[in-house]
């Protein structure tokens, strides 16, 4: 009988280092929330409508819609810096 050695094709993944999420806001009153469109197909219409609906429901909150520059997987550091400086929350619309 012949023996055959087989290697696991999945390999071993490195451990995942989780980055904690920002704490939840107690209230949206008098806050600025960014709605970031990643520019996936048809998300422009969705994020515009989302901004309108949220603005009606949360009248004491300012919603700002922005489109992310560059491809999906690349950071838009200029936009991230704007959100950090002027916003208290963000909604990322990534499509699908």
C-alpha atoms as a PDB file:
ATOM      1  CA  UNK A   1       0.000   0.000   0.000  1.00  0.00           C
ATOM      2  CA  UNK A   2       1.367   3.418  -1.004  1.00  0.00           C
ATOM      3  CA  UNK A   3       0.980   6.425   1.334  1.00  0.00           C
ATOM      4  CA  UNK A   4       0.298   9.893  -0.015  1.00  0.00           C
ATOM      5  CA  UNK A   5       0.926  13.134   1.909  1.00  0.00           C
ATOM      6  CA  UNK A   6      -1.588  15.891   1.333  1.00  0.00           C
ATOM      7  CA  UNK A   7      -1.298  19.539   2.395  1.00  0.00           C
ATOM      8  CA  UNK A   8      -4.280  21.599   3.491  1.00  0.00           C
ATOM      9  CA  UNK A   9      -4.815  24.190   0.698  1.00  0.00           C
ATOM     10  CA  UNK A  10      -6.411  26.673   3.114  1.00  0.00           C
ATOM     11  CA  UNK A  11      -3.197  27.288   4.978  1.00  0.00           C
ATOM     12  CA  UNK A  12      -3.271  29.096   8.289  1.00  0.00           C
ATOM     13  CA  UNK A  13      -4.664  32.576   8.405  1.00  0.00           C
ATOM     14  CA  UNK A  14      -3.002  35.206  10.597  1.00  0.00           C
ATOM     15  CA  UNK A  15      -4.955  36.254  13.677  1.00  0.00           C
ATOM     16  CA  UNK A  16      -7.465  39.069  13.198  1.00  0.00           C
ATOM     17  CA  UNK A  17      -6.778  42.280  15.108  1.00  0.00           C
ATOM     18  CA  UNK A  18     -10.116  43.952  15.699  1.00  0.00           C
ATOM     19  CA  UNK A  19     -10.270  47.745  15.814  1.00  0.00           C
ATOM     20  CA  UNK A  20     -13.006  48.832  18.195  1.00  0.00           C
ATOM     21  CA  UNK A  21     -15.895  50.737  16.671  1.00  0.00           C
ATOM     22  CA  UNK A  22     -16.659  54.266  17.810  1.00  0.00           C
ATOM     23  CA  UNK A  23     -19.080  54.492  20.709  1.00  0.00           C
ATOM     24  CA  UNK A  24     -22.759  54.884  19.831  1.00  0.00           C
ATOM     25  CA  UNK A  25     -24.146  58.426  19.987  1.00  0.00           C
ATOM     26  CA  UNK A  26     -26.687  59.036  22.749  1.00  0.00           C
ATOM     27  CA  UNK A  27     -28.717  61.278  20.454  1.00  0.00           C
ATOM     28  CA  UNK A  28     -28.625  62.628  16.909  1.00  0.00           C
ATOM     29  CA  UNK A  29     -29.873  66.058  17.985  1.00  0.00           C
ATOM     30  CA  UNK A  30     -27.559  68.872  16.865  1.00  0.00           C
ATOM     31  CA  UNK A  31     -25.140  66.386  15.276  1.00  0.00           C
ATOM     32  CA  UNK A  32     -23.714  66.189  11.764  1.00  0.00           C
ATOM     33  CA  UNK A  33     -23.927  62.769  10.118  1.00  0.00           C
ATOM     34  CA  UNK A  34     -22.161  62.106   6.826  1.00  0.00           C
ATOM     35  CA  UNK A  35     -23.703  59.812   4.240  1.00  0.00           C
ATOM     36  CA  UNK A  36     -20.798  58.515   2.164  1.00  0.00           C
ATOM     37  CA  UNK A  37     -21.543  57.144  -1.289  1.00  0.00           C
ATOM     38  CA  UNK A  38     -18.828  54.679  -2.332  1.00  0.00           C
ATOM     39  CA  UNK A  39     -20.051  55.172  -5.931  1.00  0.00           C
ATOM     40  CA  UNK A  40     -21.291  51.643  -6.525  1.00  0.00           C
ATOM     41  CA  UNK A  41     -23.846  51.497  -9.367  1.00  0.00           C
ATOM     42  CA  UNK A  42     -27.173  53.119  -8.418  1.00  0.00           C
ATOM     43  CA  UNK A  43     -26.058  54.196  -4.944  1.00  0.00           C
ATOM     44  CA  UNK A  44     -26.220  57.904  -5.883  1.00  0.00           C
ATOM     45  CA  UNK A  45     -30.007  57.805  -6.151  1.00  0.00           C
ATOM     46  CA  UNK A  46     -30.256  55.744  -2.965  1.00  0.00           C
ATOM     47  CA  UNK A  47     -28.031  58.034  -0.883  1.00  0.00           C
ATOM     48  CA  UNK A  48     -29.867  61.149  -2.109  1.00  0.00           C
ATOM     49  CA  UNK A  49     -33.185  59.608  -1.086  1.00  0.00           C
ATOM     50  CA  UNK A  50     -31.710  58.406   2.208  1.00  0.00           C
ATOM     51  CA  UNK A  51     -30.553  61.935   2.996  1.00  0.00           C
ATOM     52  CA  UNK A  52     -34.044  63.324   2.280  1.00  0.00           C
ATOM     53  CA  UNK A  53     -35.832  60.710   4.409  1.00  0.00           C
ATOM     54  CA  UNK A  54     -33.442  61.025   7.340  1.00  0.00           C
ATOM     55  CA  UNK A  55     -33.570  64.830   7.200  1.00  0.00           C
ATOM     56  CA  UNK A  56     -37.371  64.702   7.462  1.00  0.00           C
ATOM     57  CA  UNK A  57     -37.350  62.235  10.358  1.00  0.00           C
ATOM     58  CA  UNK A  58     -34.481  63.816  12.284  1.00  0.00           C
ATOM     59  CA  UNK A  59     -35.028  67.539  11.820  1.00  0.00           C
ATOM     60  CA  UNK A  60     -32.461  68.495  14.482  1.00  0.00           C
ATOM     61  CA  UNK A  61     -29.686  66.602  12.692  1.00  0.00           C
ATOM     62  CA  UNK A  62     -27.614  67.804   9.756  1.00  0.00           C
ATOM     63  CA  UNK A  63     -27.013  65.153   7.080  1.00  0.00           C
ATOM     64  CA  UNK A  64     -24.204  65.715   4.579  1.00  0.00           C
ATOM     65  CA  UNK A  65     -23.886  63.518   1.490  1.00  0.00           C
ATOM     66  CA  UNK A  66     -20.439  63.035  -0.040  1.00  0.00           C
ATOM     67  CA  UNK A  67     -19.026  60.769  -2.725  1.00  0.00           C
ATOM     68  CA  UNK A  68     -15.847  58.917  -1.908  1.00  0.00           C
ATOM     69  CA  UNK A  69     -12.947  59.501  -4.290  1.00  0.00           C
ATOM     70  CA  UNK A  70     -11.085  56.603  -5.847  1.00  0.00           C
ATOM     71  CA  UNK A  71     -11.792  52.883  -5.991  1.00  0.00           C
ATOM     72  CA  UNK A  72     -13.772  51.037  -3.337  1.00  0.00           C
ATOM     73  CA  UNK A  73     -10.770  49.542  -1.542  1.00  0.00           C
ATOM     74  CA  UNK A  74      -8.684  52.712  -1.325  1.00  0.00           C
ATOM     75  CA  UNK A  75      -8.955  55.254   1.475  1.00  0.00           C
ATOM     76  CA  UNK A  76     -10.141  58.787   0.738  1.00  0.00           C
ATOM     77  CA  UNK A  77      -8.044  60.470   3.434  1.00  0.00           C
ATOM     78  CA  UNK A  78      -9.283  63.957   2.561  1.00  0.00           C
ATOM     79  CA  UNK A  79     -12.903  62.889   3.093  1.00  0.00           C
ATOM     80  CA  UNK A  80     -12.071  60.896   6.248  1.00  0.00           C
ATOM     81  CA  UNK A  81     -10.306  63.963   7.678  1.00  0.00           C
ATOM     82  CA  UNK A  82     -13.356  66.139   6.873  1.00  0.00           C
ATOM     83  CA  UNK A  83     -15.668  63.682   8.623  1.00  0.00           C
ATOM     84  CA  UNK A  84     -13.388  63.513  11.679  1.00  0.00           C
ATOM     85  CA  UNK A  85     -13.206  67.321  11.889  1.00  0.00           C
ATOM     86  CA  UNK A  86     -16.832  68.212  11.170  1.00  0.00           C
ATOM     87  CA  UNK A  87     -18.974  65.126  11.752  1.00  0.00           C
ATOM     88  CA  UNK A  88     -20.106  63.096  14.695  1.00  0.00           C
ATOM     89  CA  UNK A  89     -21.263  60.073  12.679  1.00  0.00           C
ATOM     90  CA  UNK A  90     -21.129  58.448   9.253  1.00  0.00           C
ATOM     91  CA  UNK A  91     -23.169  56.072   7.164  1.00  0.00           C
ATOM     92  CA  UNK A  92     -21.193  54.293   4.434  1.00  0.00           C
ATOM     93  CA  UNK A  93     -23.306  53.141   1.492  1.00  0.00           C
ATOM     94  CA  UNK A  94     -21.230  50.410  -0.111  1.00  0.00           C
ATOM     95  CA  UNK A  95     -23.803  48.930  -2.486  1.00  0.00           C
ATOM     96  CA  UNK A  96     -25.352  45.489  -2.884  1.00  0.00           C
END
